[in-house]
C-alpha cells in the first residue's frame, strides 16, 4: 500500500513536470506565440527596407472560417 506521503511526492513531481512543459521558454509556448503573431498579422521582423511590408491574413481567415458562428 502506498502512503499519503508517497502519493503527494508522485503528484508533486508530475505537477512540476507539467508546469515546466508549458512554462516560459518551452518549445510549445514558443510555437504558440509565433502562431498568435501569424493570426494577428504581425510583421515577421525580417523585413527589408524598400521591399514589400505586406502581411496577409491567411491564417486568421482560415481559423475564423472553421470556428463555429
PDB file of N, CA and C in Angstrom:
ATOM      1  N   UNK A   1       0.843  -1.188   0.000  1.00  0.00           N
ATOM      2  CA  UNK A   1       0.000   0.000   0.000  1.00  0.00           C
ATOM      3  C   UNK A   1       0.883   1.244   0.000  1.00  0.00           C
ATOM      4  N   UNK A   2       0.474   2.225  -0.771  1.00  0.00           N
ATOM      5  CA  UNK A   2       1.233   3.472  -0.898  1.00  0.00           C
ATOM      6  C   UNK A   2       0.773   4.453   0.177  1.00  0.00           C
ATOM      7  N   UNK A   3       1.743   5.086   0.801  1.00  0.00           N
ATOM      8  CA  UNK A   3       1.405   6.045   1.854  1.00  0.00           C
ATOM      9  C   UNK A   3       0.972   7.383   1.242  1.00  0.00           C
ATOM     10  N   UNK A   4       0.321   8.186   2.048  1.00  0.00           N
ATOM     11  CA  UNK A   4      -0.111   9.517   1.608  1.00  0.00           C
ATOM     12  C   UNK A   4       1.078  10.377   1.192  1.00  0.00           C
ATOM     13  N   UNK A   5       2.183  10.206   1.909  1.00  0.00           N
ATOM     14  CA  UNK A   5       3.390  10.973   1.606  1.00  0.00           C
ATOM     15  C   UNK A   5       3.945  10.597   0.228  1.00  0.00           C
ATOM     16  N   UNK A   6       3.955   9.303  -0.095  1.00  0.00           N
ATOM     17  CA  UNK A   6       4.441   8.856  -1.402  1.00  0.00           C
ATOM     18  C   UNK A   6       3.546   9.360  -2.526  1.00  0.00           C
ATOM     19  N   UNK A   7       2.235   9.320  -2.300  1.00  0.00           N
ATOM     20  CA  UNK A   7       1.289   9.843  -3.308  1.00  0.00           C
ATOM     21  C   UNK A   7       1.534  11.329  -3.518  1.00  0.00           C
ATOM     22  N   UNK A   8       1.712  12.063  -2.439  1.00  0.00           N
ATOM     23  CA  UNK A   8       1.954  13.504  -2.543  1.00  0.00           C
ATOM     24  C   UNK A   8       3.238  13.788  -3.316  1.00  0.00           C
ATOM     25  N   UNK A   9       4.268  12.963  -3.107  1.00  0.00           N
ATOM     26  CA  UNK A   9       5.527  13.154  -3.827  1.00  0.00           C
ATOM     27  C   UNK A   9       5.358  12.890  -5.321  1.00  0.00           C
ATOM     28  N   UNK A  10       4.656  11.819  -5.661  1.00  0.00           N
ATOM     29  CA  UNK A  10       4.436  11.484  -7.068  1.00  0.00           C
ATOM     30  C   UNK A  10       3.608  12.575  -7.746  1.00  0.00           C
ATOM     31  N   UNK A  11       2.531  12.987  -7.111  1.00  0.00           N
ATOM     32  CA  UNK A  11       1.672  14.029  -7.681  1.00  0.00           C
ATOM     33  C   UNK A  11       2.444  15.344  -7.816  1.00  0.00           C
ATOM     34  N   UNK A  12       3.233  15.677  -6.813  1.00  0.00           N
ATOM     35  CA  UNK A  12       4.031  16.903  -6.871  1.00  0.00           C
ATOM     36  C   UNK A  12       5.035  16.874  -8.016  1.00  0.00           C
ATOM     37  N   UNK A  13       5.673  15.724  -8.211  1.00  0.00           N
ATOM     38  CA  UNK A  13       6.642  15.604  -9.303  1.00  0.00           C
ATOM     39  C   UNK A  13       5.956  15.712 -10.658  1.00  0.00           C
ATOM     40  N   UNK A  14       4.809  15.082 -10.810  1.00  0.00           N
ATOM     41  CA  UNK A  14       4.058  15.167 -12.065  1.00  0.00           C
ATOM     42  C   UNK A  14       3.599  16.602 -12.329  1.00  0.00           C
ATOM     43  N   UNK A  15       3.173  17.281 -11.298  1.00  0.00           N
ATOM     44  CA  UNK A  15       2.724  18.669 -11.438  1.00  0.00           C
ATOM     45  C   UNK A  15       3.878  19.566 -11.879  1.00  0.00           C
ATOM     46  N   UNK A  16       5.038  19.388 -11.282  1.00  0.00           N
ATOM     47  CA  UNK A  16       6.205  20.197 -11.668  1.00  0.00           C
ATOM     48  C   UNK A  16       6.592  19.940 -13.122  1.00  0.00           C
ATOM     49  N   UNK A  17       6.527  18.671 -13.550  1.00  0.00           N
ATOM     50  CA  UNK A  17       6.850  18.350 -14.943  1.00  0.00           C
ATOM     51  C   UNK A  17       5.837  18.979 -15.895  1.00  0.00           C
ATOM     52  N   UNK A  18       4.555  18.939 -15.525  1.00  0.00           N
ATOM     53  CA  UNK A  18       3.515  19.507 -16.383  1.00  0.00           C
ATOM     54  C   UNK A  18       3.668  21.017 -16.490  1.00  0.00           C
ATOM     55  N   UNK A  19       3.944  21.675 -15.400  1.00  0.00           N
ATOM     56  CA  UNK A  19       4.119  23.126 -15.422  1.00  0.00           C
ATOM     57  C   UNK A  19       5.350  23.506 -16.230  1.00  0.00           C
ATOM     58  N   UNK A  20       6.429  22.738 -16.107  1.00  0.00           N
ATOM     59  CA  UNK A  20       7.646  23.002 -16.870  1.00  0.00           C
ATOM     60  C   UNK A  20       7.450  22.779 -18.352  1.00  0.00           C
ATOM     61  N   UNK A  21       6.587  21.839 -18.699  1.00  0.00           N
ATOM     62  CA  UNK A  21       6.352  21.504 -20.107  1.00  0.00           C
ATOM     63  C   UNK A  21       5.748  22.677 -20.860  1.00  0.00           C
ATOM     64  N   UNK A  22       4.848  23.382 -20.224  1.00  0.00           N
ATOM     65  CA  UNK A  22       4.198  24.520 -20.871  1.00  0.00           C
ATOM     66  C   UNK A  22       4.732  25.856 -20.368  1.00  0.00           C
ATOM     67  N   UNK A  23       5.765  25.819 -19.575  1.00  0.00           N
ATOM     68  CA  UNK A  23       6.276  27.028 -18.961  1.00  0.00           C
ATOM     69  C   UNK A  23       7.024  27.930 -19.921  1.00  0.00           C
ATOM     70  N   UNK A  24       7.493  29.014 -19.371  1.00  0.00           N
ATOM     71  CA  UNK A  24       8.234  30.019 -20.131  1.00  0.00           C
ATOM     72  C   UNK A  24       9.448  29.380 -20.788  1.00  0.00           C
ATOM     73  N   UNK A  25       9.624  29.648 -22.064  1.00  0.00           N
ATOM     74  CA  UNK A  25      10.783  29.153 -22.780  1.00  0.00           C
ATOM     75  C   UNK A  25      10.611  27.769 -23.376  1.00  0.00           C
ATOM     76  N   UNK A  26       9.458  27.135 -23.161  1.00  0.00           N
ATOM     77  CA  UNK A  26       9.269  25.807 -23.740  1.00  0.00           C
ATOM     78  C   UNK A  26       8.994  25.934 -25.230  1.00  0.00           C
ATOM     79  N   UNK A  27       9.224  24.844 -25.952  1.00  0.00           N
ATOM     80  CA  UNK A  27       9.014  24.849 -27.394  1.00  0.00           C
ATOM     81  C   UNK A  27       7.548  25.075 -27.736  1.00  0.00           C
ATOM     82  N   UNK A  28       6.650  24.467 -26.977  1.00  0.00           N
ATOM     83  CA  UNK A  28       5.213  24.648 -27.233  1.00  0.00           C
ATOM     84  C   UNK A  28       4.826  26.097 -27.022  1.00  0.00           C
ATOM     85  N   UNK A  29       5.303  26.699 -25.956  1.00  0.00           N
ATOM     86  CA  UNK A  29       4.984  28.105 -25.674  1.00  0.00           C
ATOM     87  C   UNK A  29       5.513  29.000 -26.790  1.00  0.00           C
ATOM     88  N   UNK A  30       6.717  28.722 -27.266  1.00  0.00           N
ATOM     89  CA  UNK A  30       7.301  29.500 -28.353  1.00  0.00           C
ATOM     90  C   UNK A  30       6.478  29.356 -29.634  1.00  0.00           C
ATOM     91  N   UNK A  31       6.064  28.123 -29.939  1.00  0.00           N
ATOM     92  CA  UNK A  31       5.238  27.898 -31.128  1.00  0.00           C
ATOM     93  C   UNK A  31       3.907  28.618 -31.028  1.00  0.00           C
ATOM     94  N   UNK A  32       3.297  28.593 -29.853  1.00  0.00           N
ATOM     95  CA  UNK A  32       2.016  29.280 -29.663  1.00  0.00           C
ATOM     96  C   UNK A  32       2.171  30.778 -29.890  1.00  0.00           C
ATOM     97  N   UNK A  33       3.248  31.353 -29.392  1.00  0.00           N
ATOM     98  CA  UNK A  33       3.478  32.785 -29.567  1.00  0.00           C
ATOM     99  C   UNK A  33       3.655  33.124 -31.046  1.00  0.00           C
ATOM    100  N   UNK A  34       4.396  32.293 -31.769  1.00  0.00           N
ATOM    101  CA  UNK A  34       4.601  32.513 -33.204  1.00  0.00           C
ATOM    102  C   UNK A  34       3.291  32.409 -33.957  1.00  0.00           C
ATOM    103  N   UNK A  35       2.502  31.383 -33.644  1.00  0.00           N
ATOM    104  CA  UNK A  35       1.224  31.207 -34.326  1.00  0.00           C
ATOM    105  C   UNK A  35       0.262  32.348 -34.020  1.00  0.00           C
ATOM    106  N   UNK A  36       0.288  32.862 -32.811  1.00  0.00           N
ATOM    107  CA  UNK A  36      -0.551  34.008 -32.466  1.00  0.00           C
ATOM    108  C   UNK A  36      -0.116  35.245 -33.248  1.00  0.00           C
ATOM    109  N   UNK A  37       1.181  35.406 -33.453  1.00  0.00           N
ATOM    110  CA  UNK A  37       1.680  36.507 -34.282  1.00  0.00           C
ATOM    111  C   UNK A  37       1.166  36.377 -35.720  1.00  0.00           C
ATOM    112  N   UNK A  38       1.176  35.157 -36.261  1.00  0.00           N
ATOM    113  CA  UNK A  38       0.637  34.933 -37.605  1.00  0.00           C
ATOM    114  C   UNK A  38      -0.847  35.287 -37.649  1.00  0.00           C
ATOM    115  N   UNK A  39      -1.593  34.817 -36.650  1.00  0.00           N
ATOM    116  CA  UNK A  39      -3.033  35.070 -36.591  1.00  0.00           C
ATOM    117  C   UNK A  39      -3.322  36.576 -36.540  1.00  0.00           C
ATOM    118  N   UNK A  40      -2.526  37.302 -35.772  1.00  0.00           N
ATOM    119  CA  UNK A  40      -2.738  38.748 -35.609  1.00  0.00           C
ATOM    120  C   UNK A  40      -2.056  39.578 -36.696  1.00  0.00           C
ATOM    121  N   UNK A  41      -1.496  38.923 -37.700  1.00  0.00           N
ATOM    122  CA  UNK A  41      -0.892  39.575 -38.869  1.00  0.00           C
ATOM    123  C   UNK A  41       0.239  40.537 -38.485  1.00  0.00           C
ATOM    124  N   UNK A  42       1.052  40.110 -37.531  1.00  0.00           N
ATOM    125  CA  UNK A  42       2.191  40.937 -37.129  1.00  0.00           C
ATOM    126  C   UNK A  42       3.343  40.720 -38.104  1.00  0.00           C
ATOM    127  N   UNK A  43       4.152  41.731 -38.339  1.00  0.00           N
ATOM    128  CA  UNK A  43       5.319  41.572 -39.220  1.00  0.00           C
ATOM    129  C   UNK A  43       6.276  40.518 -38.660  1.00  0.00           C
ATOM    130  N   UNK A  44       7.036  39.888 -39.539  1.00  0.00           N
ATOM    131  CA  UNK A  44       7.958  38.826 -39.134  1.00  0.00           C
ATOM    132  C   UNK A  44       9.205  39.368 -38.438  1.00  0.00           C
ATOM    133  N   UNK A  45       9.557  40.606 -38.710  1.00  0.00           N
ATOM    134  CA  UNK A  45      10.749  41.182 -38.098  1.00  0.00           C
ATOM    135  C   UNK A  45      11.980  41.095 -38.978  1.00  0.00           C
ATOM    136  N   UNK A  46      11.852  40.477 -40.150  1.00  0.00           N
ATOM    137  CA  UNK A  46      12.997  40.375 -41.052  1.00  0.00           C
ATOM    138  C   UNK A  46      12.750  41.164 -42.341  1.00  0.00           C
ATOM    139  N   UNK A  47      11.870  42.151 -42.241  1.00  0.00           N
ATOM    140  CA  UNK A  47      11.528  42.959 -43.413  1.00  0.00           C
ATOM    141  C   UNK A  47      12.742  43.767 -43.890  1.00  0.00           C
ATOM    142  N   UNK A  48      12.793  43.966 -45.197  1.00  0.00           N
ATOM    143  CA  UNK A  48      13.871  44.726 -45.810  1.00  0.00           C
ATOM    144  C   UNK A  48      13.298  46.059 -46.270  1.00  0.00           C
ATOM    145  N   UNK A  49      13.972  47.138 -45.875  1.00  0.00           N
ATOM    146  CA  UNK A  49      13.501  48.466 -46.260  1.00  0.00           C
ATOM    147  C   UNK A  49      13.495  48.592 -47.780  1.00  0.00           C
ATOM    148  N   UNK A  50      12.424  49.175 -48.295  1.00  0.00           N
ATOM    149  CA  UNK A  50      12.286  49.344 -49.732  1.00  0.00           C
ATOM    150  C   UNK A  50      11.579  48.175 -50.405  1.00  0.00           C
ATOM    151  N   UNK A  51      11.403  47.088 -49.663  1.00  0.00           N
ATOM    152  CA  UNK A  51      10.698  45.917 -50.184  1.00  0.00           C
ATOM    153  C   UNK A  51       9.291  45.892 -49.579  1.00  0.00           C
ATOM    154  N   UNK A  52       8.444  45.039 -50.109  1.00  0.00           N
ATOM    155  CA  UNK A  52       7.073  44.939 -49.631  1.00  0.00           C
ATOM    156  C   UNK A  52       7.029  44.597 -48.138  1.00  0.00           C
ATOM    157  N   UNK A  53       6.147  45.261 -47.417  1.00  0.00           N
ATOM    158  CA  UNK A  53       5.951  45.011 -45.995  1.00  0.00           C
ATOM    159  C   UNK A  53       4.613  44.304 -45.754  1.00  0.00           C
ATOM    160  N   UNK A  54       4.015  43.789 -46.807  1.00  0.00           N
ATOM    161  CA  UNK A  54       2.686  43.194 -46.730  1.00  0.00           C
ATOM    162  C   UNK A  54       2.695  41.910 -45.897  1.00  0.00           C
ATOM    163  N   UNK A  55       1.696  41.788 -45.029  1.00  0.00           N
ATOM    164  CA  UNK A  55       1.480  40.577 -44.251  1.00  0.00           C
ATOM    165  C   UNK A  55       0.035  40.166 -44.507  1.00  0.00           C
ATOM    166  N   UNK A  56      -0.172  38.947 -44.982  1.00  0.00           N
ATOM    167  CA  UNK A  56      -1.522  38.510 -45.345  1.00  0.00           C
ATOM    168  C   UNK A  56      -2.296  38.012 -44.125  1.00  0.00           C
ATOM    169  N   UNK A  57      -3.582  37.905 -44.287  1.00  0.00           N
ATOM    170  CA  UNK A  57      -4.464  37.444 -43.213  1.00  0.00           C
ATOM    171  C   UNK A  57      -4.874  35.987 -43.411  1.00  0.00           C
ATOM    172  N   UNK A  58      -4.084  35.221 -44.155  1.00  0.00           N
ATOM    173  CA  UNK A  58      -4.442  33.836 -44.467  1.00  0.00           C
ATOM    174  C   UNK A  58      -4.736  33.000 -43.220  1.00  0.00           C
ATOM    175  N   UNK A  59      -3.883  33.095 -42.214  1.00  0.00           N
ATOM    176  CA  UNK A  59      -4.051  32.263 -41.021  1.00  0.00           C
ATOM    177  C   UNK A  59      -5.344  32.621 -40.300  1.00  0.00           C
ATOM    178  N   UNK A  60      -5.570  33.892 -40.037  1.00  0.00           N
ATOM    179  CA  UNK A  60      -6.794  34.276 -39.329  1.00  0.00           C
ATOM    180  C   UNK A  60      -8.033  34.000 -40.167  1.00  0.00           C
ATOM    181  N   UNK A  61      -7.937  34.146 -41.481  1.00  0.00           N
ATOM    182  CA  UNK A  61      -9.081  33.845 -42.347  1.00  0.00           C
ATOM    183  C   UNK A  61      -9.489  32.380 -42.221  1.00  0.00           C
ATOM    184  N   UNK A  62      -8.518  31.489 -42.250  1.00  0.00           N
ATOM    185  CA  UNK A  62      -8.817  30.056 -42.150  1.00  0.00           C
ATOM    186  C   UNK A  62      -9.374  29.721 -40.769  1.00  0.00           C
ATOM    187  N   UNK A  63      -8.751  30.255 -39.732  1.00  0.00           N
ATOM    188  CA  UNK A  63      -9.222  29.971 -38.375  1.00  0.00           C
ATOM    189  C   UNK A  63     -10.651  30.477 -38.194  1.00  0.00           C
ATOM    190  N   UNK A  64     -10.920  31.681 -38.625  1.00  0.00           N
ATOM    191  CA  UNK A  64     -12.258  32.246 -38.469  1.00  0.00           C
ATOM    192  C   UNK A  64     -13.285  31.474 -39.291  1.00  0.00           C
ATOM    193  N   UNK A  65     -12.876  30.910 -40.404  1.00  0.00           N
ATOM    194  CA  UNK A  65     -13.790  30.130 -41.233  1.00  0.00           C
ATOM    195  C   UNK A  65     -14.201  28.829 -40.554  1.00  0.00           C
ATOM    196  N   UNK A  66     -13.276  28.190 -39.846  1.00  0.00           N
ATOM    197  CA  UNK A  66     -13.599  26.893 -39.246  1.00  0.00           C
ATOM    198  C   UNK A  66     -14.223  27.017 -37.855  1.00  0.00           C
ATOM    199  N   UNK A  67     -14.176  28.190 -37.245  1.00  0.00           N
ATOM    200  CA  UNK A  67     -14.806  28.354 -35.931  1.00  0.00           C
ATOM    201  C   UNK A  67     -16.322  28.384 -36.068  1.00  0.00           C
ATOM    202  N   UNK A  68     -17.027  27.866 -35.066  1.00  0.00           N
ATOM    203  CA  UNK A  68     -18.486  27.934 -35.134  1.00  0.00           C
ATOM    204  C   UNK A  68     -18.956  29.391 -35.016  1.00  0.00           C
ATOM    205  N   UNK A  69     -20.089  29.649 -35.623  1.00  0.00           N
ATOM    206  CA  UNK A  69     -20.636  31.004 -35.587  1.00  0.00           C
ATOM    207  C   UNK A  69     -21.026  31.363 -34.174  1.00  0.00           C
TER     208      UNK A  69
END
